[in-house]
Amino acid sequence: MTNKALKSRIDSGEAVGIVAAQSIGEPGTQMTMRTFHYAGVAEQVPTGLPRLIELLDARKEPKKPIMDIQVLENYETNEEKCRQIAALIEDVTLENVGKVEERLASKEISVIIDPTVMKEKRLDLEEVKKTLKKFSGGEVHSSGNEVKISFKTSTLRAIRRVTNKIRGAHVAGVKGVSRAAVLKGPGGKYFIRTSGSNLLEVSKIPGVDFKRCYTNDIMEINKVLGIEAARNSIIQEIKQVLDSQRMDVDIRHIALLADAMTMDGLIRSVGRHGLSGRKAGVLARAAFEETIKHLINAAVSGEEDKLIGITENIIIGQTIPVGTGIVKLARRI
């Protein structure tokens, strides 16, 4: 351990930020737009350059949110039980369980329920009726596999609006999870991969081992588990993207980037709306993007630049405060 610590030391004043930026940026420029597919899942796991840009931009919603849900240990080898849990997770809308038809002449909406789907999704008719009552506001009554909603005073246009609304009405499952597939992992143990993410609601599903669940949505991780978990997720996601392209980058460079993105308790993007736009010196901010805007704002507010960074010292031709330039000597007179 002592040897490891000694080998990890760096020189005082080392420009670790520049080295990290070069180490991540250089392989990033070589990245192709390749996307790998996982067998047995219709959705693809996002990777490559688009995913790296998504992470560095700290986008609020990833293009392809995915969760890997682990079940309790006693269910890991039971595929049927895993499928039952997956059925509880998958978002079910009214359109999934029946055919919605308008009957404008009688001012009714008819829903023909598919009993096979109802059995597969483990739903009963009362749940469907309750959902219809909530979303339509009309009188709901059923006969066999048909549920009717009748309106006494609604206009035809209002009935059309209600029809469109109830087609997407949430009946069961977890909102935002459009697909849940059971996959076999290492050691023959099963897990559930979803398209869509809702970490908090998944934690309430019986049989789910929440401590081992994971989502690629770093904003959701921050919201549910906190900034430290989000930082670890940023490191893991960037490392996974680089590894998928067979690019070997020291994890300490990635950790430094994640630290910079999360240092004030929020997830900041790397661009002008995040880290670059929040630099202390006006010259450093102006050197990146929106030069005129930053200079005008600084002039109007009387802002001073303390010249403590690298960029501003390069601009005015002074020694940069890195490496040997970090040393300051005073001569006794």
C-alpha atoms as a PDB file:
ATOM      1  CA  MET A   1       0.000   0.000   0.000  1.00  0.00           C
ATOM      2  CA  THR A   2       2.886   2.382   0.845  1.00  0.00           C
ATOM      3  CA  ASN A   3       4.558   1.712  -2.527  1.00  0.00           C
ATOM      4  CA  LYS A   4       1.258   2.315  -4.299  1.00  0.00           C
ATOM      5  CA  ALA A   5       0.827   5.633  -2.508  1.00  0.00           C
ATOM      6  CA  LEU A   6       4.391   6.720  -3.320  1.00  0.00           C
ATOM      7  CA  LYS A   7       3.950   5.838  -7.007  1.00  0.00           C
ATOM      8  CA  SER A   8       0.717   7.855  -7.088  1.00  0.00           C
ATOM      9  CA  ARG A   9       2.413  11.103  -6.107  1.00  0.00           C
ATOM     10  CA  ILE A  10       2.700  13.943  -8.609  1.00  0.00           C
ATOM     11  CA  ASP A  11       4.955  16.971  -8.756  1.00  0.00           C
ATOM     12  CA  SER A  12       3.836  20.111  -6.975  1.00  0.00           C
ATOM     13  CA  GLY A  13       2.078  22.442  -9.394  1.00  0.00           C
ATOM     14  CA  GLU A  14       1.336  19.723 -11.949  1.00  0.00           C
ATOM     15  CA  ALA A  15      -1.366  20.890 -14.402  1.00  0.00           C
ATOM     16  CA  VAL A  16      -3.662  17.946 -13.693  1.00  0.00           C
ATOM     17  CA  GLY A  17      -6.664  19.600 -15.348  1.00  0.00           C
ATOM     18  CA  ILE A  18      -4.900  20.011 -18.698  1.00  0.00           C
ATOM     19  CA  VAL A  19      -3.557  16.445 -18.587  1.00  0.00           C
ATOM     20  CA  ALA A  20      -7.045  15.103 -17.780  1.00  0.00           C
ATOM     21  CA  ALA A  21      -8.616  17.173 -20.582  1.00  0.00           C
ATOM     22  CA  GLN A  22      -6.051  15.906 -23.101  1.00  0.00           C
ATOM     23  CA  SER A  23      -6.383  12.309 -21.911  1.00  0.00           C
ATOM     24  CA  ILE A  24     -10.171  12.306 -22.353  1.00  0.00           C
ATOM     25  CA  GLY A  25     -10.357  14.679 -25.348  1.00  0.00           C
ATOM     26  CA  GLU A  26      -7.838  12.888 -27.566  1.00  0.00           C
ATOM     27  CA  PRO A  27      -9.659   9.516 -27.586  1.00  0.00           C
ATOM     28  CA  GLY A  28     -12.945  11.410 -27.829  1.00  0.00           C
ATOM     29  CA  THR A  29     -11.920  12.867 -31.200  1.00  0.00           C
ATOM     30  CA  GLN A  30     -11.180   9.375 -32.506  1.00  0.00           C
ATOM     31  CA  MET A  31     -14.479   7.896 -31.427  1.00  0.00           C
ATOM     32  CA  THR A  32     -16.776   6.481 -34.050  1.00  0.00           C
ATOM     33  CA  MET A  33     -20.556   6.503 -33.968  1.00  0.00           C
ATOM     34  CA  ARG A  34     -20.707   2.784 -33.300  1.00  0.00           C
ATOM     35  CA  THR A  35     -23.466   1.515 -31.040  1.00  0.00           C
ATOM     36  CA  PHE A  36     -23.385  -1.988 -29.605  1.00  0.00           C
ATOM     37  CA  HIS A  37     -26.523  -4.098 -29.311  1.00  0.00           C
ATOM     38  CA  TYR A  38     -27.279  -6.479 -26.471  1.00  0.00           C
ATOM     39  CA  ALA A  39     -28.766  -9.782 -27.581  1.00  0.00           C
ATOM     40  CA  GLY A  40     -32.354 -10.367 -26.528  1.00  0.00           C
ATOM     41  CA  VAL A  41     -33.232  -6.708 -25.945  1.00  0.00           C
ATOM     42  CA  ALA A  42     -35.023  -4.621 -28.544  1.00  0.00           C
ATOM     43  CA  GLU A  43     -33.557  -1.374 -27.207  1.00  0.00           C
ATOM     44  CA  GLN A  44     -29.879  -0.586 -27.549  1.00  0.00           C
ATOM     45  CA  VAL A  45     -27.548   0.567 -24.824  1.00  0.00           C
ATOM     46  CA  PRO A  46     -26.305   4.070 -25.722  1.00  0.00           C
ATOM     47  CA  THR A  47     -22.550   4.329 -26.156  1.00  0.00           C
ATOM     48  CA  GLY A  48     -19.911   5.972 -28.327  1.00  0.00           C
ATOM     49  CA  LEU A  49     -19.489   9.687 -29.003  1.00  0.00           C
ATOM     50  CA  PRO A  50     -23.202  10.654 -28.681  1.00  0.00           C
ATOM     51  CA  ARG A  51     -23.323   9.198 -25.172  1.00  0.00           C
ATOM     52  CA  LEU A  52     -20.075  10.929 -24.145  1.00  0.00           C
ATOM     53  CA  ILE A  53     -21.437  14.285 -25.355  1.00  0.00           C
ATOM     54  CA  GLU A  54     -24.679  13.598 -23.477  1.00  0.00           C
ATOM     55  CA  LEU A  55     -22.753  13.041 -20.227  1.00  0.00           C
ATOM     56  CA  LEU A  56     -20.470  16.079 -20.605  1.00  0.00           C
ATOM     57  CA  ASP A  57     -23.456  18.289 -21.449  1.00  0.00           C
ATOM     58  CA  ALA A  58     -25.217  17.025 -18.270  1.00  0.00           C
ATOM     59  CA  ARG A  59     -28.501  16.742 -20.148  1.00  0.00           C
ATOM     60  CA  LYS A  60     -31.602  16.534 -17.989  1.00  0.00           C
ATOM     61  CA  GLU A  61     -32.996  13.537 -19.846  1.00  0.00           C
ATOM     62  CA  PRO A  62     -30.805  10.941 -21.606  1.00  0.00           C
ATOM     63  CA  LYS A  63     -31.856   9.944 -25.108  1.00  0.00           C
ATOM     64  CA  LYS A  64     -32.095   6.278 -24.145  1.00  0.00           C
ATOM     65  CA  PRO A  65     -32.640   5.874 -20.375  1.00  0.00           C
ATOM     66  CA  ILE A  66     -31.993   2.300 -19.233  1.00  0.00           C
ATOM     67  CA  MET A  67     -32.172   0.524 -15.879  1.00  0.00           C
ATOM     68  CA  ASP A  68     -30.554  -2.733 -14.812  1.00  0.00           C
ATOM     69  CA  ILE A  69     -32.760  -4.098 -12.043  1.00  0.00           C
ATOM     70  CA  GLN A  70     -31.482  -6.857  -9.785  1.00  0.00           C
ATOM     71  CA  VAL A  71     -33.963  -9.132  -8.024  1.00  0.00           C
ATOM     72  CA  LEU A  72     -33.636 -10.593  -4.529  1.00  0.00           C
ATOM     73  CA  GLU A  73     -30.993 -13.329  -4.268  1.00  0.00           C
ATOM     74  CA  ASN A  74     -33.521 -16.156  -3.847  1.00  0.00           C
ATOM     75  CA  TYR A  75     -35.145 -15.168  -7.186  1.00  0.00           C
ATOM     76  CA  GLU A  76     -31.950 -14.732  -9.247  1.00  0.00           C
ATOM     77  CA  THR A  77     -32.042 -18.235 -10.741  1.00  0.00           C
ATOM     78  CA  ASN A  78     -35.837 -18.353 -11.151  1.00  0.00           C
ATOM     79  CA  GLU A  79     -36.622 -17.055 -14.639  1.00  0.00           C
ATOM     80  CA  GLU A  80     -40.399 -17.320 -14.220  1.00  0.00           C
ATOM     81  CA  LYS A  81     -40.348 -15.258 -11.016  1.00  0.00           C
ATOM     82  CA  CYS A  82     -38.181 -12.643 -12.749  1.00  0.00           C
ATOM     83  CA  ARG A  83     -40.717 -12.460 -15.585  1.00  0.00           C
ATOM     84  CA  GLN A  84     -43.489 -11.895 -13.045  1.00  0.00           C
ATOM     85  CA  ILE A  85     -41.531  -9.017 -11.488  1.00  0.00           C
ATOM     86  CA  ALA A  86     -40.811  -7.590 -14.969  1.00  0.00           C
ATOM     87  CA  ALA A  87     -44.567  -7.669 -15.703  1.00  0.00           C
ATOM     88  CA  LEU A  88     -45.156  -5.541 -12.579  1.00  0.00           C
ATOM     89  CA  ILE A  89     -42.535  -3.012 -13.718  1.00  0.00           C
ATOM     90  CA  GLU A  90     -43.535  -2.518 -17.363  1.00  0.00           C
ATOM     91  CA  ASP A  91     -45.773   0.517 -17.885  1.00  0.00           C
ATOM     92  CA  VAL A  92     -49.271  -0.528 -18.988  1.00  0.00           C
ATOM     93  CA  THR A  93     -51.567   2.003 -20.662  1.00  0.00           C
ATOM     94  CA  LEU A  94     -55.213   1.518 -21.561  1.00  0.00           C
ATOM     95  CA  GLU A  95     -54.271   1.149 -25.221  1.00  0.00           C
ATOM     96  CA  ASN A  96     -52.137  -1.884 -24.280  1.00  0.00           C
ATOM     97  CA  VAL A  97     -55.047  -3.797 -22.714  1.00  0.00           C
ATOM     98  CA  GLY A  98     -57.927  -2.966 -25.011  1.00  0.00           C
ATOM     99  CA  LYS A  99     -59.273  -1.344 -28.161  1.00  0.00           C
ATOM    100  CA  VAL A 100     -60.719   2.146 -27.669  1.00  0.00           C
ATOM    101  CA  GLU A 101     -63.615   3.133 -29.946  1.00  0.00           C
ATOM    102  CA  GLU A 102     -65.744   6.280 -30.183  1.00  0.00           C
ATOM    103  CA  ARG A 103     -69.506   6.073 -30.638  1.00  0.00           C
ATOM    104  CA  LEU A 104     -70.400   9.665 -31.295  1.00  0.00           C
ATOM    105  CA  ALA A 105     -74.055   9.013 -32.158  1.00  0.00           C
ATOM    106  CA  SER A 106     -74.767   7.720 -28.639  1.00  0.00           C
ATOM    107  CA  LYS A 107     -72.103   9.931 -26.979  1.00  0.00           C
ATOM    108  CA  GLU A 108     -70.179   6.918 -25.706  1.00  0.00           C
ATOM    109  CA  ILE A 109     -66.641   5.606 -25.639  1.00  0.00           C
ATOM    110  CA  SER A 110     -66.267   1.836 -25.792  1.00  0.00           C
ATOM    111  CA  VAL A 111     -63.208  -0.086 -24.586  1.00  0.00           C
ATOM    112  CA  ILE A 112     -62.991  -3.743 -25.711  1.00  0.00           C
ATOM    113  CA  ILE A 113     -60.746  -5.470 -23.159  1.00  0.00           C
ATOM    114  CA  ASP A 114     -58.314  -8.184 -24.279  1.00  0.00           C
ATOM    115  CA  PRO A 115     -58.544 -10.914 -21.576  1.00  0.00           C
ATOM    116  CA  THR A 116     -55.223 -12.488 -22.658  1.00  0.00           C
ATOM    117  CA  VAL A 117     -53.321  -9.243 -22.062  1.00  0.00           C
ATOM    118  CA  MET A 118     -55.195  -8.684 -18.784  1.00  0.00           C
ATOM    119  CA  LYS A 119     -54.069 -12.096 -17.554  1.00  0.00           C
ATOM    120  CA  GLU A 120     -50.500 -11.563 -18.749  1.00  0.00           C
ATOM    121  CA  LYS A 121     -50.281  -8.173 -16.997  1.00  0.00           C
ATOM    122  CA  ARG A 122     -52.073  -9.517 -13.901  1.00  0.00           C
ATOM    123  CA  LEU A 123     -54.843  -6.909 -14.026  1.00  0.00           C
ATOM    124  CA  ASP A 124     -58.516  -7.074 -13.148  1.00  0.00           C
ATOM    125  CA  LEU A 125     -61.469  -5.247 -14.681  1.00  0.00           C
ATOM    126  CA  GLU A 126     -62.040  -3.063 -11.616  1.00  0.00           C
ATOM    127  CA  GLU A 127     -58.599  -1.461 -12.011  1.00  0.00           C
ATOM    128  CA  VAL A 128     -59.393  -0.583 -15.619  1.00  0.00           C
ATOM    129  CA  LYS A 129     -62.797   0.844 -14.671  1.00  0.00           C
ATOM    130  CA  LYS A 130     -61.229   2.930 -11.903  1.00  0.00           C
ATOM    131  CA  THR A 131     -58.697   4.363 -14.379  1.00  0.00           C
ATOM    132  CA  LEU A 132     -61.421   5.153 -16.918  1.00  0.00           C
ATOM    133  CA  LYS A 133     -63.524   6.909 -14.279  1.00  0.00           C
ATOM    134  CA  LYS A 134     -60.531   8.989 -13.183  1.00  0.00           C
ATOM    135  CA  PHE A 135     -59.520  10.126 -16.678  1.00  0.00           C
ATOM    136  CA  SER A 136     -62.923  10.504 -18.354  1.00  0.00           C
ATOM    137  CA  GLY A 137     -65.247  11.953 -15.728  1.00  0.00           C
ATOM    138  CA  GLY A 138     -68.178  10.097 -17.335  1.00  0.00           C
ATOM    139  CA  GLU A 139     -70.371   7.205 -16.185  1.00  0.00           C
ATOM    140  CA  VAL A 140     -68.526   3.873 -16.449  1.00  0.00           C
ATOM    141  CA  HIS A 141     -70.317   0.533 -16.745  1.00  0.00           C
ATOM    142  CA  SER A 142     -69.216  -2.860 -18.056  1.00  0.00           C
ATOM    143  CA  SER A 143     -70.709  -5.854 -19.801  1.00  0.00           C
ATOM    144  CA  GLY A 144     -68.468  -8.889 -20.314  1.00  0.00           C
ATOM    145  CA  ASN A 145     -65.180  -7.731 -21.850  1.00  0.00           C
ATOM    146  CA  GLU A 146     -66.591  -4.353 -22.874  1.00  0.00           C
ATOM    147  CA  VAL A 147     -66.424  -1.207 -20.756  1.00  0.00           C
ATOM    148  CA  LYS A 148     -68.525   1.792 -21.790  1.00  0.00           C
ATOM    149  CA  ILE A 149     -68.185   5.430 -20.801  1.00  0.00           C
ATOM    150  CA  SER A 150     -71.285   7.522 -21.366  1.00  0.00           C
ATOM    151  CA  PHE A 151     -71.598  11.318 -21.359  1.00  0.00           C
ATOM    152  CA  LYS A 152     -74.850  13.220 -20.938  1.00  0.00           C
ATOM    153  CA  THR A 153     -73.906  16.762 -21.878  1.00  0.00           C
ATOM    154  CA  SER A 154     -70.442  16.594 -23.481  1.00  0.00           C
ATOM    155  CA  THR A 155     -69.930  17.900 -27.007  1.00  0.00           C
ATOM    156  CA  LEU A 156     -68.514  15.648 -29.719  1.00  0.00           C
ATOM    157  CA  ARG A 157     -65.228  17.569 -29.616  1.00  0.00           C
ATOM    158  CA  ALA A 158     -64.983  17.003 -25.840  1.00  0.00           C
ATOM    159  CA  ILE A 159     -65.580  13.257 -26.329  1.00  0.00           C
ATOM    160  CA  ARG A 160     -62.773  13.182 -28.931  1.00  0.00           C
ATOM    161  CA  ARG A 161     -60.422  14.863 -26.425  1.00  0.00           C
ATOM    162  CA  VAL A 162     -61.338  12.337 -23.719  1.00  0.00           C
ATOM    163  CA  THR A 163     -60.746   9.447 -26.151  1.00  0.00           C
ATOM    164  CA  ASN A 164     -57.236  10.649 -26.942  1.00  0.00           C
ATOM    165  CA  LYS A 165     -56.566  11.180 -23.239  1.00  0.00           C
ATOM    166  CA  ILE A 166     -57.664   7.735 -22.047  1.00  0.00           C
ATOM    167  CA  ARG A 167     -55.707   5.905 -24.769  1.00  0.00           C
ATOM    168  CA  GLY A 168     -52.485   6.851 -22.989  1.00  0.00           C
ATOM    169  CA  ALA A 169     -53.931   6.556 -19.465  1.00  0.00           C
ATOM    170  CA  HIS A 170     -51.637   4.740 -17.021  1.00  0.00           C
ATOM    171  CA  VAL A 171     -53.283   1.546 -15.705  1.00  0.00           C
ATOM    172  CA  ALA A 172     -50.469  -0.360 -13.986  1.00  0.00           C
ATOM    173  CA  GLY A 173     -46.703  -0.774 -13.769  1.00  0.00           C
ATOM    174  CA  VAL A 174     -44.081   1.957 -13.427  1.00  0.00           C
ATOM    175  CA  LYS A 175     -44.562   5.195 -15.344  1.00  0.00           C
ATOM    176  CA  GLY A 176     -41.794   5.881 -17.839  1.00  0.00           C
ATOM    177  CA  VAL A 177     -40.745   2.229 -18.256  1.00  0.00           C
ATOM    178  CA  SER A 178     -41.953   1.237 -21.715  1.00  0.00           C
ATOM    179  CA  ARG A 179     -40.251  -2.172 -21.818  1.00  0.00           C
ATOM    180  CA  ALA A 180     -38.844  -4.649 -19.277  1.00  0.00           C
ATOM    181  CA  ALA A 181     -36.903  -7.703 -20.503  1.00  0.00           C
ATOM    182  CA  VAL A 182     -35.433 -10.553 -18.443  1.00  0.00           C
ATOM    183  CA  LEU A 183     -31.796 -11.285 -19.329  1.00  0.00           C
ATOM    184  CA  LYS A 184     -29.309 -13.864 -18.102  1.00  0.00           C
ATOM    185  CA  GLY A 185     -26.206 -12.349 -16.544  1.00  0.00           C
ATOM    186  CA  PRO A 186     -22.883 -13.815 -15.374  1.00  0.00           C
ATOM    187  CA  GLY A 187     -23.152 -17.085 -13.460  1.00  0.00           C
ATOM    188  CA  GLY A 188     -26.577 -17.872 -14.917  1.00  0.00           C
ATOM    189  CA  LYS A 189     -28.296 -15.262 -12.719  1.00  0.00           C
ATOM    190  CA  TYR A 190     -31.227 -13.341 -14.168  1.00  0.00           C
ATOM    191  CA  PHE A 191     -31.789  -9.589 -14.060  1.00  0.00           C
ATOM    192  CA  ILE A 192     -34.233  -7.155 -15.661  1.00  0.00           C
ATOM    193  CA  ARG A 193     -33.203  -4.505 -18.188  1.00  0.00           C
ATOM    194  CA  THR A 194     -35.687  -1.762 -18.930  1.00  0.00           C
ATOM    195  CA  SER A 195     -36.188   0.872 -21.569  1.00  0.00           C
ATOM    196  CA  GLY A 196     -37.036   3.982 -19.579  1.00  0.00           C
ATOM    197  CA  SER A 197     -36.117   4.864 -16.024  1.00  0.00           C
ATOM    198  CA  ASN A 198     -37.963   5.525 -12.762  1.00  0.00           C
ATOM    199  CA  LEU A 199     -35.671   4.497  -9.920  1.00  0.00           C
ATOM    200  CA  LEU A 200     -37.890   5.636  -7.048  1.00  0.00           C
ATOM    201  CA  GLU A 201     -41.005   3.774  -8.208  1.00  0.00           C
ATOM    202  CA  VAL A 202     -39.039   0.606  -9.034  1.00  0.00           C
ATOM    203  CA  SER A 203     -37.810   0.532  -5.416  1.00  0.00           C
ATOM    204  CA  LYS A 204     -41.432  -0.089  -4.324  1.00  0.00           C
ATOM    205  CA  ILE A 205     -41.874  -3.225  -6.478  1.00  0.00           C
ATOM    206  CA  PRO A 206     -41.885  -6.482  -4.422  1.00  0.00           C
ATOM    207  CA  GLY A 207     -38.940  -8.773  -5.201  1.00  0.00           C
ATOM    208  CA  VAL A 208     -36.606  -5.982  -6.380  1.00  0.00           C
ATOM    209  CA  ASP A 209     -33.223  -5.621  -4.665  1.00  0.00           C
ATOM    210  CA  PHE A 210     -33.042  -1.823  -4.752  1.00  0.00           C
ATOM    211  CA  LYS A 211     -29.492  -1.665  -3.353  1.00  0.00           C
ATOM    212  CA  ARG A 212     -28.201  -3.311  -6.547  1.00  0.00           C
ATOM    213  CA  CYS A 213     -30.372  -1.454  -9.076  1.00  0.00           C
ATOM    214  CA  TYR A 214     -28.743   0.936 -11.519  1.00  0.00           C
ATOM    215  CA  THR A 215     -29.855   3.558 -14.028  1.00  0.00           C
ATOM    216  CA  ASN A 216     -27.823   5.422 -16.640  1.00  0.00           C
ATOM    217  CA  ASP A 217     -29.777   8.621 -15.892  1.00  0.00           C
ATOM    218  CA  ILE A 218     -27.298  10.618 -13.770  1.00  0.00           C
ATOM    219  CA  MET A 219     -29.848  13.362 -13.031  1.00  0.00           C
ATOM    220  CA  GLU A 220     -32.263  10.812 -11.588  1.00  0.00           C
ATOM    221  CA  ILE A 221     -29.473   9.276  -9.486  1.00  0.00           C
ATOM    222  CA  ASN A 222     -28.701  12.745  -8.115  1.00  0.00           C
ATOM    223  CA  LYS A 223     -32.377  13.314  -7.301  1.00  0.00           C
ATOM    224  CA  VAL A 224     -32.938   9.940  -5.609  1.00  0.00           C
ATOM    225  CA  LEU A 225     -29.534   9.029  -4.118  1.00  0.00           C
ATOM    226  CA  GLY A 226     -27.613  12.316  -3.924  1.00  0.00           C
ATOM    227  CA  ILE A 227     -24.622  14.050  -5.481  1.00  0.00           C
ATOM    228  CA  GLU A 228     -21.970  11.509  -4.382  1.00  0.00           C
ATOM    229  CA  ALA A 229     -23.862   8.697  -6.098  1.00  0.00           C
ATOM    230  CA  ALA A 230     -24.239  10.903  -9.189  1.00  0.00           C
ATOM    231  CA  ARG A 231     -20.472  11.568  -9.198  1.00  0.00           C
ATOM    232  CA  ASN A 232     -19.746   7.831  -9.091  1.00  0.00           C
ATOM    233  CA  SER A 233     -22.272   7.293 -11.877  1.00  0.00           C
ATOM    234  CA  ILE A 234     -20.568   9.903 -14.105  1.00  0.00           C
ATOM    235  CA  ILE A 235     -17.233   8.116 -13.618  1.00  0.00           C
ATOM    236  CA  GLN A 236     -18.777   4.712 -14.360  1.00  0.00           C
ATOM    237  CA  GLU A 237     -20.687   5.907 -17.437  1.00  0.00           C
ATOM    238  CA  ILE A 238     -17.712   7.721 -19.018  1.00  0.00           C
ATOM    239  CA  LYS A 239     -15.426   4.762 -18.269  1.00  0.00           C
ATOM    240  CA  GLN A 240     -17.965   2.395 -19.847  1.00  0.00           C
ATOM    241  CA  VAL A 241     -18.174   4.528 -23.015  1.00  0.00           C
ATOM    242  CA  LEU A 242     -14.379   4.653 -23.395  1.00  0.00           C
ATOM    243  CA  ASP A 243     -13.969   0.927 -22.634  1.00  0.00           C
ATOM    244  CA  SER A 244     -16.615   0.032 -25.231  1.00  0.00           C
ATOM    245  CA  GLN A 245     -14.442   1.784 -27.836  1.00  0.00           C
ATOM    246  CA  ARG A 246     -11.313   0.021 -26.496  1.00  0.00           C
ATOM    247  CA  MET A 247      -9.789   3.266 -25.276  1.00  0.00           C
ATOM    248  CA  ASP A 248      -7.664   3.021 -22.157  1.00  0.00           C
ATOM    249  CA  VAL A 249      -7.906   6.192 -20.057  1.00  0.00           C
ATOM    250  CA  ASP A 250      -6.685   6.309 -16.455  1.00  0.00           C
ATOM    251  CA  ILE A 251      -9.715   6.482 -14.179  1.00  0.00           C
ATOM    252  CA  ARG A 252      -8.133   9.345 -12.194  1.00  0.00           C
ATOM    253  CA  HIS A 253      -8.578  11.669 -15.175  1.00  0.00           C
ATOM    254  CA  ILE A 254     -12.262  10.739 -15.323  1.00  0.00           C
ATOM    255  CA  ALA A 255     -12.616  11.131 -11.536  1.00  0.00           C
ATOM    256  CA  LEU A 256     -11.157  14.654 -11.747  1.00  0.00           C
ATOM    257  CA  LEU A 257     -13.676  15.571 -14.447  1.00  0.00           C
ATOM    258  CA  ALA A 258     -16.547  14.145 -12.346  1.00  0.00           C
ATOM    259  CA  ASP A 259     -15.308  16.090  -9.298  1.00  0.00           C
ATOM    260  CA  ALA A 260     -15.286  19.331 -11.299  1.00  0.00           C
ATOM    261  CA  MET A 261     -18.821  18.682 -12.589  1.00  0.00           C
ATOM    262  CA  THR A 262     -20.235  18.005  -9.100  1.00  0.00           C
ATOM    263  CA  MET A 263     -18.046  20.087  -6.754  1.00  0.00           C
ATOM    264  CA  ASP A 264     -20.772  22.575  -5.741  1.00  0.00           C
ATOM    265  CA  GLY A 265     -23.483  19.980  -5.080  1.00  0.00           C
ATOM    266  CA  LEU A 266     -25.098  20.269  -8.517  1.00  0.00           C
ATOM    267  CA  ILE A 267     -24.287  18.540 -11.795  1.00  0.00           C
ATOM    268  CA  ARG A 268     -22.727  21.132 -14.096  1.00  0.00           C
ATOM    269  CA  SER A 269     -22.082  20.702 -17.802  1.00  0.00           C
ATOM    270  CA  VAL A 270     -18.587  21.266 -19.168  1.00  0.00           C
ATOM    271  CA  GLY A 271     -19.574  23.943 -21.719  1.00  0.00           C
ATOM    272  CA  ARG A 272     -20.362  27.661 -21.505  1.00  0.00           C
ATOM    273  CA  HIS A 273     -23.542  27.060 -19.494  1.00  0.00           C
ATOM    274  CA  GLY A 274     -21.603  25.103 -16.867  1.00  0.00           C
ATOM    275  CA  LEU A 275     -17.949  25.010 -15.817  1.00  0.00           C
ATOM    276  CA  SER A 276     -16.520  27.250 -18.557  1.00  0.00           C
ATOM    277  CA  GLY A 277     -19.152  29.923 -17.977  1.00  0.00           C
ATOM    278  CA  ARG A 278     -18.537  29.989 -14.221  1.00  0.00           C
ATOM    279  CA  LYS A 279     -14.797  30.695 -14.176  1.00  0.00           C
ATOM    280  CA  ALA A 280     -13.718  33.345 -11.676  1.00  0.00           C
ATOM    281  CA  GLY A 281     -11.882  35.575 -14.156  1.00  0.00           C
ATOM    282  CA  VAL A 282     -13.696  37.582 -16.823  1.00  0.00           C
ATOM    283  CA  LEU A 283     -10.815  37.107 -19.297  1.00  0.00           C
ATOM    284  CA  ALA A 284     -11.011  33.320 -18.887  1.00  0.00           C
ATOM    285  CA  ARG A 285     -14.770  33.373 -19.535  1.00  0.00           C
ATOM    286  CA  ALA A 286     -14.374  35.686 -22.529  1.00  0.00           C
ATOM    287  CA  ALA A 287     -11.627  33.499 -24.014  1.00  0.00           C
ATOM    288  CA  PHE A 288     -13.976  30.516 -24.322  1.00  0.00           C
ATOM    289  CA  GLU A 289     -17.246  31.672 -25.931  1.00  0.00           C
ATOM    290  CA  GLU A 290     -19.562  34.718 -26.019  1.00  0.00           C
ATOM    291  CA  THR A 291     -16.560  37.072 -25.729  1.00  0.00           C
ATOM    292  CA  ILE A 292     -18.412  40.373 -26.251  1.00  0.00           C
ATOM    293  CA  LYS A 293     -21.169  39.473 -23.783  1.00  0.00           C
ATOM    294  CA  HIS A 294     -18.697  38.720 -20.979  1.00  0.00           C
ATOM    295  CA  LEU A 295     -16.607  41.851 -21.622  1.00  0.00           C
ATOM    296  CA  ILE A 296     -19.675  44.137 -21.708  1.00  0.00           C
ATOM    297  CA  ASN A 297     -21.111  42.622 -18.505  1.00  0.00           C
ATOM    298  CA  ALA A 298     -17.745  43.011 -16.755  1.00  0.00           C
ATOM    299  CA  ALA A 299     -17.432  46.634 -17.900  1.00  0.00           C
ATOM    300  CA  VAL A 300     -20.978  47.529 -16.818  1.00  0.00           C
ATOM    301  CA  SER A 301     -20.580  45.950 -13.370  1.00  0.00           C
ATOM    302  CA  GLY A 302     -16.989  47.126 -12.839  1.00  0.00           C
ATOM    303  CA  GLU A 303     -15.690  43.588 -12.430  1.00  0.00           C
ATOM    304  CA  GLU A 304     -11.985  43.087 -11.695  1.00  0.00           C
ATOM    305  CA  ASP A 305      -9.899  40.130 -12.843  1.00  0.00           C
ATOM    306  CA  LYS A 306      -7.482  38.932 -10.153  1.00  0.00           C
ATOM    307  CA  LEU A 307      -5.397  37.040 -12.762  1.00  0.00           C
ATOM    308  CA  ILE A 308      -5.291  33.828 -10.737  1.00  0.00           C
ATOM    309  CA  GLY A 309      -5.963  31.402 -13.594  1.00  0.00           C
ATOM    310  CA  ILE A 310      -3.974  30.124 -16.557  1.00  0.00           C
ATOM    311  CA  THR A 311      -5.919  31.657 -19.457  1.00  0.00           C
ATOM    312  CA  GLU A 312      -5.916  35.239 -18.178  1.00  0.00           C
ATOM    313  CA  ASN A 313      -2.149  35.155 -17.521  1.00  0.00           C
ATOM    314  CA  ILE A 314      -1.487  33.854 -21.049  1.00  0.00           C
ATOM    315  CA  ILE A 315      -3.622  36.688 -22.475  1.00  0.00           C
ATOM    316  CA  ILE A 316      -1.569  39.422 -20.759  1.00  0.00           C
ATOM    317  CA  GLY A 317       1.775  37.643 -21.228  1.00  0.00           C
ATOM    318  CA  GLN A 318       2.548  36.775 -17.621  1.00  0.00           C
ATOM    319  CA  THR A 319       4.022  33.551 -16.244  1.00  0.00           C
ATOM    320  CA  ILE A 320       1.223  31.055 -15.723  1.00  0.00           C
ATOM    321  CA  PRO A 321       0.674  29.796 -12.144  1.00  0.00           C
ATOM    322  CA  VAL A 322       1.419  26.145 -12.978  1.00  0.00           C
ATOM    323  CA  GLY A 323       4.532  23.980 -12.645  1.00  0.00           C
ATOM    324  CA  THR A 324       7.626  26.103 -11.940  1.00  0.00           C
ATOM    325  CA  GLY A 325       5.487  29.228 -12.401  1.00  0.00           C
ATOM    326  CA  ILE A 326       3.645  28.458  -9.161  1.00  0.00           C
ATOM    327  CA  VAL A 327       6.750  29.338  -7.113  1.00  0.00           C
ATOM    328  CA  LYS A 328       6.998  32.944  -5.920  1.00  0.00           C
ATOM    329  CA  LEU A 329      10.236  34.314  -4.508  1.00  0.00           C
ATOM    330  CA  ALA A 330      10.770  37.519  -2.569  1.00  0.00           C
ATOM    331  CA  ARG A 331      14.245  39.030  -2.418  1.00  0.00           C
ATOM    332  CA  ARG A 332      15.299  40.627   0.844  1.00  0.00           C
ATOM    333  CA  ILE A 333      16.534  44.154   0.290  1.00  0.00           C
END
